[in-house]
């Protein structure tokens, strides 16, 4: 369903639904324009809905340099809340995106320092959220768009990709991710790695339309 009238959609929107919101290059053919972004509804709460892209929309490193990093200071956060949000949403759609307080959770196994909480319109799920909102490895599996693959996203023989989480890995050079089988890798991978896909998440505030 498309969010043409959010007040109506909210009444029928349920966890697990797929909605269209915004546009982004996905088929890697810029000549035919951008495609509608499909999102999975993860939570419905107090007039807001939490959504995550159904597909890995692009391929970006968590951070462009090899250094100790947190979600607060990484280049991927800057890209999501700058270049991506401006490319994917028009003025009216941007107004609907809630500025969320994004918790900084320590790595559940390695206790790695996550930095400070942030205020973001667009973010990535944490390790805890990836486990909480998806019921199994199978439901966490994700396919990349052709655009993401063209930009370097790994794609397994089964068609799935790896996708970043915002939580730190076993140290601050690494970031946690979901592998192509849908498993949450808490040890993580080098944050400067350039073959993991990006699944943006955001809260839509239905009172803002």
C-alpha atoms as a PDB file:
ATOM      1  CA  UNK A   1       0.000   0.000   0.000  1.00  0.00           C
ATOM      2  CA  UNK A   2       1.185   3.530  -0.705  1.00  0.00           C
ATOM      3  CA  UNK A   3       1.101   6.265   1.918  1.00  0.00           C
ATOM      4  CA  UNK A   4      -1.113   8.640  -0.049  1.00  0.00           C
ATOM      5  CA  UNK A   5      -3.319   9.379   2.979  1.00  0.00           C
ATOM      6  CA  UNK A   6      -1.382   8.512   6.139  1.00  0.00           C
ATOM      7  CA  UNK A   7      -4.340   8.967   8.485  1.00  0.00           C
ATOM      8  CA  UNK A   8      -6.249   6.272   6.604  1.00  0.00           C
ATOM      9  CA  UNK A   9      -3.222   4.016   6.147  1.00  0.00           C
ATOM     10  CA  UNK A  10      -2.470   4.167   9.868  1.00  0.00           C
ATOM     11  CA  UNK A  11      -5.891   2.712  10.681  1.00  0.00           C
ATOM     12  CA  UNK A  12      -5.201  -0.364   8.559  1.00  0.00           C
ATOM     13  CA  UNK A  13      -1.402  -0.556   8.768  1.00  0.00           C
ATOM     14  CA  UNK A  14      -0.112  -3.527  10.757  1.00  0.00           C
ATOM     15  CA  UNK A  15       3.251  -4.968  11.636  1.00  0.00           C
ATOM     16  CA  UNK A  16       4.481  -6.987   8.674  1.00  0.00           C
ATOM     17  CA  UNK A  17       2.723  -4.876   6.058  1.00  0.00           C
ATOM     18  CA  UNK A  18       4.673  -3.516   3.105  1.00  0.00           C
ATOM     19  CA  UNK A  19       4.222   0.166   2.264  1.00  0.00           C
ATOM     20  CA  UNK A  20       5.643   2.453  -0.413  1.00  0.00           C
ATOM     21  CA  UNK A  21       7.169   5.749   0.664  1.00  0.00           C
ATOM     22  CA  UNK A  22       9.682   7.877  -1.216  1.00  0.00           C
ATOM     23  CA  UNK A  23      11.660   6.946  -4.309  1.00  0.00           C
ATOM     24  CA  UNK A  24      15.242   5.873  -4.961  1.00  0.00           C
ATOM     25  CA  UNK A  25      17.254   4.519  -7.859  1.00  0.00           C
ATOM     26  CA  UNK A  26      16.967   0.739  -7.649  1.00  0.00           C
ATOM     27  CA  UNK A  27      17.042  -0.920 -11.079  1.00  0.00           C
ATOM     28  CA  UNK A  28      20.333   0.829 -11.940  1.00  0.00           C
ATOM     29  CA  UNK A  29      18.744   2.469 -14.967  1.00  0.00           C
ATOM     30  CA  UNK A  30      18.628   6.196 -14.291  1.00  0.00           C
ATOM     31  CA  UNK A  31      16.960   6.836 -17.644  1.00  0.00           C
ATOM     32  CA  UNK A  32      13.599   5.501 -16.397  1.00  0.00           C
ATOM     33  CA  UNK A  33      13.613   7.512 -13.175  1.00  0.00           C
ATOM     34  CA  UNK A  34      13.677   6.433  -9.556  1.00  0.00           C
ATOM     35  CA  UNK A  35      11.561   3.557  -8.245  1.00  0.00           C
ATOM     36  CA  UNK A  36       9.178   3.627  -5.277  1.00  0.00           C
ATOM     37  CA  UNK A  37      10.834   2.413  -2.075  1.00  0.00           C
ATOM     38  CA  UNK A  38       9.145  -0.554  -0.415  1.00  0.00           C
ATOM     39  CA  UNK A  39       9.259  -0.669   3.376  1.00  0.00           C
ATOM     40  CA  UNK A  40       8.362  -3.306   5.945  1.00  0.00           C
ATOM     41  CA  UNK A  41       6.379  -2.127   8.963  1.00  0.00           C
ATOM     42  CA  UNK A  42       8.189  -3.156  12.147  1.00  0.00           C
ATOM     43  CA  UNK A  43       6.163  -1.347  14.801  1.00  0.00           C
ATOM     44  CA  UNK A  44       3.013   0.774  15.113  1.00  0.00           C
ATOM     45  CA  UNK A  45       3.043   3.014  18.158  1.00  0.00           C
ATOM     46  CA  UNK A  46       1.252   6.218  19.232  1.00  0.00           C
ATOM     47  CA  UNK A  47       0.572   7.588  15.770  1.00  0.00           C
ATOM     48  CA  UNK A  48       3.970   6.597  14.399  1.00  0.00           C
ATOM     49  CA  UNK A  49       5.175   3.626  12.394  1.00  0.00           C
ATOM     50  CA  UNK A  50       8.690   2.233  12.306  1.00  0.00           C
ATOM     51  CA  UNK A  51       9.716   1.002   8.879  1.00  0.00           C
ATOM     52  CA  UNK A  52      12.802  -0.554   7.309  1.00  0.00           C
ATOM     53  CA  UNK A  53      13.514  -0.872   3.606  1.00  0.00           C
ATOM     54  CA  UNK A  54      12.517  -4.244   2.197  1.00  0.00           C
ATOM     55  CA  UNK A  55      15.650  -4.377   0.050  1.00  0.00           C
ATOM     56  CA  UNK A  56      19.256  -3.341   0.496  1.00  0.00           C
ATOM     57  CA  UNK A  57      18.972   0.006  -1.254  1.00  0.00           C
ATOM     58  CA  UNK A  58      22.621   0.901  -1.658  1.00  0.00           C
ATOM     59  CA  UNK A  59      26.126  -0.191  -0.786  1.00  0.00           C
ATOM     60  CA  UNK A  60      28.210   1.993   1.516  1.00  0.00           C
ATOM     61  CA  UNK A  61      30.955   1.446   4.083  1.00  0.00           C
ATOM     62  CA  UNK A  62      29.950   2.031   7.684  1.00  0.00           C
ATOM     63  CA  UNK A  63      32.851   4.447   7.796  1.00  0.00           C
ATOM     64  CA  UNK A  64      35.153   5.496   4.992  1.00  0.00           C
ATOM     65  CA  UNK A  65      38.353   5.399   7.066  1.00  0.00           C
ATOM     66  CA  UNK A  66      39.962   2.659   9.153  1.00  0.00           C
ATOM     67  CA  UNK A  67      39.673   4.068  12.661  1.00  0.00           C
ATOM     68  CA  UNK A  68      37.815   3.658  15.937  1.00  0.00           C
ATOM     69  CA  UNK A  69      34.244   4.628  15.145  1.00  0.00           C
ATOM     70  CA  UNK A  70      30.748   4.723  16.610  1.00  0.00           C
ATOM     71  CA  UNK A  71      27.339   5.212  15.052  1.00  0.00           C
ATOM     72  CA  UNK A  72      27.453   8.812  16.277  1.00  0.00           C
ATOM     73  CA  UNK A  73      30.572   9.637  14.272  1.00  0.00           C
ATOM     74  CA  UNK A  74      30.446   7.252  11.288  1.00  0.00           C
ATOM     75  CA  UNK A  75      30.158   8.479   7.712  1.00  0.00           C
ATOM     76  CA  UNK A  76      27.185   6.196   6.986  1.00  0.00           C
ATOM     77  CA  UNK A  77      25.045   8.089   9.505  1.00  0.00           C
ATOM     78  CA  UNK A  78      26.015  11.358   7.837  1.00  0.00           C
ATOM     79  CA  UNK A  79      25.167   9.948   4.398  1.00  0.00           C
ATOM     80  CA  UNK A  80      21.766   8.600   5.481  1.00  0.00           C
ATOM     81  CA  UNK A  81      20.715  11.903   7.033  1.00  0.00           C
ATOM     82  CA  UNK A  82      22.115  13.968   4.187  1.00  0.00           C
ATOM     83  CA  UNK A  83      22.558  12.614   0.678  1.00  0.00           C
ATOM     84  CA  UNK A  84      20.156   9.689   1.054  1.00  0.00           C
ATOM     85  CA  UNK A  85      17.250  11.520   2.685  1.00  0.00           C
ATOM     86  CA  UNK A  86      17.505  14.316   0.120  1.00  0.00           C
ATOM     87  CA  UNK A  87      17.536  11.854  -2.781  1.00  0.00           C
ATOM     88  CA  UNK A  88      14.728   9.631  -1.492  1.00  0.00           C
ATOM     89  CA  UNK A  89      12.080  12.030  -0.176  1.00  0.00           C
ATOM     90  CA  UNK A  90      10.349  15.208  -1.291  1.00  0.00           C
ATOM     91  CA  UNK A  91       9.582  18.137   1.010  1.00  0.00           C
ATOM     92  CA  UNK A  92       6.229  16.773   2.209  1.00  0.00           C
ATOM     93  CA  UNK A  93       7.656  13.304   2.827  1.00  0.00           C
ATOM     94  CA  UNK A  94      10.585  14.711   4.809  1.00  0.00           C
ATOM     95  CA  UNK A  95       8.144  16.502   7.098  1.00  0.00           C
ATOM     96  CA  UNK A  96       6.546  13.158   7.931  1.00  0.00           C
ATOM     97  CA  UNK A  97       9.832  11.622   9.066  1.00  0.00           C
ATOM     98  CA  UNK A  98      10.168  11.829  12.829  1.00  0.00           C
ATOM     99  CA  UNK A  99      13.464  12.869  14.388  1.00  0.00           C
ATOM    100  CA  UNK A 100      14.049   9.919  16.690  1.00  0.00           C
ATOM    101  CA  UNK A 101      16.278   9.527  19.702  1.00  0.00           C
ATOM    102  CA  UNK A 102      18.417   6.571  18.659  1.00  0.00           C
ATOM    103  CA  UNK A 103      19.825   4.609  21.625  1.00  0.00           C
ATOM    104  CA  UNK A 104      23.510   3.748  21.823  1.00  0.00           C
ATOM    105  CA  UNK A 105      23.518   0.127  22.964  1.00  0.00           C
ATOM    106  CA  UNK A 106      26.697  -1.720  23.865  1.00  0.00           C
ATOM    107  CA  UNK A 107      27.543  -4.843  21.921  1.00  0.00           C
ATOM    108  CA  UNK A 108      25.665  -7.616  23.784  1.00  0.00           C
ATOM    109  CA  UNK A 109      28.602 -10.054  23.705  1.00  0.00           C
ATOM    110  CA  UNK A 110      31.714  -7.882  23.651  1.00  0.00           C
ATOM    111  CA  UNK A 111      30.472  -4.842  25.598  1.00  0.00           C
ATOM    112  CA  UNK A 112      32.042  -2.503  23.026  1.00  0.00           C
ATOM    113  CA  UNK A 113      31.544   1.199  23.679  1.00  0.00           C
ATOM    114  CA  UNK A 114      28.743   2.401  21.337  1.00  0.00           C
ATOM    115  CA  UNK A 115      29.328   6.130  21.752  1.00  0.00           C
ATOM    116  CA  UNK A 116      26.448   8.475  22.551  1.00  0.00           C
ATOM    117  CA  UNK A 117      22.728   8.404  21.666  1.00  0.00           C
ATOM    118  CA  UNK A 118      21.875  10.391  18.548  1.00  0.00           C
ATOM    119  CA  UNK A 119      18.972  12.341  17.104  1.00  0.00           C
ATOM    120  CA  UNK A 120      18.316  10.997  13.603  1.00  0.00           C
ATOM    121  CA  UNK A 121      15.649  10.965  10.961  1.00  0.00           C
ATOM    122  CA  UNK A 122      17.198   7.934   9.255  1.00  0.00           C
ATOM    123  CA  UNK A 123      19.180   5.253  11.047  1.00  0.00           C
ATOM    124  CA  UNK A 124      20.109   1.573  11.077  1.00  0.00           C
ATOM    125  CA  UNK A 125      18.736  -1.095  13.371  1.00  0.00           C
ATOM    126  CA  UNK A 126      20.828  -2.230  16.326  1.00  0.00           C
ATOM    127  CA  UNK A 127      21.696  -5.837  17.160  1.00  0.00           C
ATOM    128  CA  UNK A 128      18.896  -5.891  19.721  1.00  0.00           C
ATOM    129  CA  UNK A 129      16.361  -4.420  17.285  1.00  0.00           C
ATOM    130  CA  UNK A 130      17.321  -6.808  14.482  1.00  0.00           C
ATOM    131  CA  UNK A 131      16.648  -9.705  16.843  1.00  0.00           C
ATOM    132  CA  UNK A 132      13.504  -8.172  18.311  1.00  0.00           C
ATOM    133  CA  UNK A 133      11.733  -7.067  15.141  1.00  0.00           C
ATOM    134  CA  UNK A 134      12.557 -10.134  13.032  1.00  0.00           C
ATOM    135  CA  UNK A 135      11.414 -13.504  14.331  1.00  0.00           C
ATOM    136  CA  UNK A 136      13.997 -15.665  12.574  1.00  0.00           C
ATOM    137  CA  UNK A 137      17.086 -15.717  10.395  1.00  0.00           C
ATOM    138  CA  UNK A 138      14.823 -16.322   7.421  1.00  0.00           C
ATOM    139  CA  UNK A 139      12.844 -13.124   7.976  1.00  0.00           C
ATOM    140  CA  UNK A 140      16.098 -11.140   8.309  1.00  0.00           C
ATOM    141  CA  UNK A 141      17.333 -12.289   4.913  1.00  0.00           C
ATOM    142  CA  UNK A 142      17.453  -9.436   2.430  1.00  0.00           C
ATOM    143  CA  UNK A 143      18.016  -9.028  -1.277  1.00  0.00           C
ATOM    144  CA  UNK A 144      19.959  -6.071  -2.659  1.00  0.00           C
ATOM    145  CA  UNK A 145      18.679  -3.889  -5.459  1.00  0.00           C
ATOM    146  CA  UNK A 146      20.473  -3.920  -8.799  1.00  0.00           C
ATOM    147  CA  UNK A 147      21.721  -0.444  -7.940  1.00  0.00           C
ATOM    148  CA  UNK A 148      23.251  -1.718  -4.688  1.00  0.00           C
ATOM    149  CA  UNK A 149      24.936  -4.625  -6.486  1.00  0.00           C
ATOM    150  CA  UNK A 150      26.333  -2.245  -9.099  1.00  0.00           C
ATOM    151  CA  UNK A 151      27.806  -0.219  -6.248  1.00  0.00           C
ATOM    152  CA  UNK A 152      29.546  -3.272  -4.810  1.00  0.00           C
ATOM    153  CA  UNK A 153      27.051  -5.065  -2.557  1.00  0.00           C
ATOM    154  CA  UNK A 154      27.820  -8.740  -2.056  1.00  0.00           C
ATOM    155  CA  UNK A 155      25.110 -11.080  -3.342  1.00  0.00           C
ATOM    156  CA  UNK A 156      25.134 -14.781  -2.486  1.00  0.00           C
ATOM    157  CA  UNK A 157      24.113 -17.586  -4.826  1.00  0.00           C
ATOM    158  CA  UNK A 158      20.686 -17.453  -3.180  1.00  0.00           C
ATOM    159  CA  UNK A 159      20.420 -13.751  -4.032  1.00  0.00           C
ATOM    160  CA  UNK A 160      20.820 -12.370  -0.520  1.00  0.00           C
ATOM    161  CA  UNK A 161      23.135  -9.663   0.793  1.00  0.00           C
ATOM    162  CA  UNK A 162      24.858  -8.646   4.011  1.00  0.00           C
ATOM    163  CA  UNK A 163      23.451  -5.526   5.656  1.00  0.00           C
ATOM    164  CA  UNK A 164      24.848  -3.214   8.286  1.00  0.00           C
ATOM    165  CA  UNK A 165      23.583  -2.723  11.822  1.00  0.00           C
ATOM    166  CA  UNK A 166      24.496   0.379  13.809  1.00  0.00           C
ATOM    167  CA  UNK A 167      25.887  -1.524  16.810  1.00  0.00           C
ATOM    168  CA  UNK A 168      29.656  -1.810  17.221  1.00  0.00           C
ATOM    169  CA  UNK A 169      31.297  -5.179  16.673  1.00  0.00           C
ATOM    170  CA  UNK A 170      33.888  -6.750  18.936  1.00  0.00           C
ATOM    171  CA  UNK A 171      35.898  -3.530  18.798  1.00  0.00           C
ATOM    172  CA  UNK A 172      35.364  -0.011  17.508  1.00  0.00           C
ATOM    173  CA  UNK A 173      36.957  -0.796  14.155  1.00  0.00           C
ATOM    174  CA  UNK A 174      34.135  -3.219  13.417  1.00  0.00           C
ATOM    175  CA  UNK A 175      30.378  -2.868  13.006  1.00  0.00           C
ATOM    176  CA  UNK A 176      27.789  -5.598  13.484  1.00  0.00           C
ATOM    177  CA  UNK A 177      25.840  -6.835  10.476  1.00  0.00           C
ATOM    178  CA  UNK A 178      23.320  -9.392   9.258  1.00  0.00           C
ATOM    179  CA  UNK A 179      24.794 -12.044   6.976  1.00  0.00           C
ATOM    180  CA  UNK A 180      23.281 -13.445   3.800  1.00  0.00           C
ATOM    181  CA  UNK A 181      21.656 -16.299   5.757  1.00  0.00           C
ATOM    182  CA  UNK A 182      19.909 -13.821   8.052  1.00  0.00           C
ATOM    183  CA  UNK A 183      22.130 -14.436  11.060  1.00  0.00           C
ATOM    184  CA  UNK A 184      23.145 -11.498  13.242  1.00  0.00           C
ATOM    185  CA  UNK A 185      26.941 -11.293  13.353  1.00  0.00           C
ATOM    186  CA  UNK A 186      27.715  -9.505  16.616  1.00  0.00           C
ATOM    187  CA  UNK A 187      31.486  -9.753  16.172  1.00  0.00           C
ATOM    188  CA  UNK A 188      31.066  -7.617  13.111  1.00  0.00           C
ATOM    189  CA  UNK A 189      33.163  -6.755  10.099  1.00  0.00           C
ATOM    190  CA  UNK A 190      35.614  -3.981   9.314  1.00  0.00           C
ATOM    191  CA  UNK A 191      33.642  -0.740   9.313  1.00  0.00           C
ATOM    192  CA  UNK A 192      35.493   0.427   6.205  1.00  0.00           C
ATOM    193  CA  UNK A 193      34.296  -2.624   4.246  1.00  0.00           C
ATOM    194  CA  UNK A 194      32.624  -1.716   0.979  1.00  0.00           C
ATOM    195  CA  UNK A 195      30.442  -4.737   0.173  1.00  0.00           C
ATOM    196  CA  UNK A 196      27.603  -4.548   2.727  1.00  0.00           C
ATOM    197  CA  UNK A 197      24.189  -3.215   1.789  1.00  0.00           C
ATOM    198  CA  UNK A 198      22.259  -0.487   3.585  1.00  0.00           C
ATOM    199  CA  UNK A 199      18.695  -0.951   4.860  1.00  0.00           C
ATOM    200  CA  UNK A 200      17.572   2.447   6.174  1.00  0.00           C
ATOM    201  CA  UNK A 201      15.043   2.580   8.999  1.00  0.00           C
ATOM    202  CA  UNK A 202      12.884   5.504  10.081  1.00  0.00           C
ATOM    203  CA  UNK A 203       9.809   6.512  12.026  1.00  0.00           C
ATOM    204  CA  UNK A 204       6.905   8.083  10.121  1.00  0.00           C
ATOM    205  CA  UNK A 205       4.872  10.561  12.166  1.00  0.00           C
ATOM    206  CA  UNK A 206       1.354  10.319  10.769  1.00  0.00           C
ATOM    207  CA  UNK A 207       0.246  13.557  12.433  1.00  0.00           C
ATOM    208  CA  UNK A 208       2.608  15.605  10.264  1.00  0.00           C
ATOM    209  CA  UNK A 209       0.777  15.153   6.949  1.00  0.00           C
END
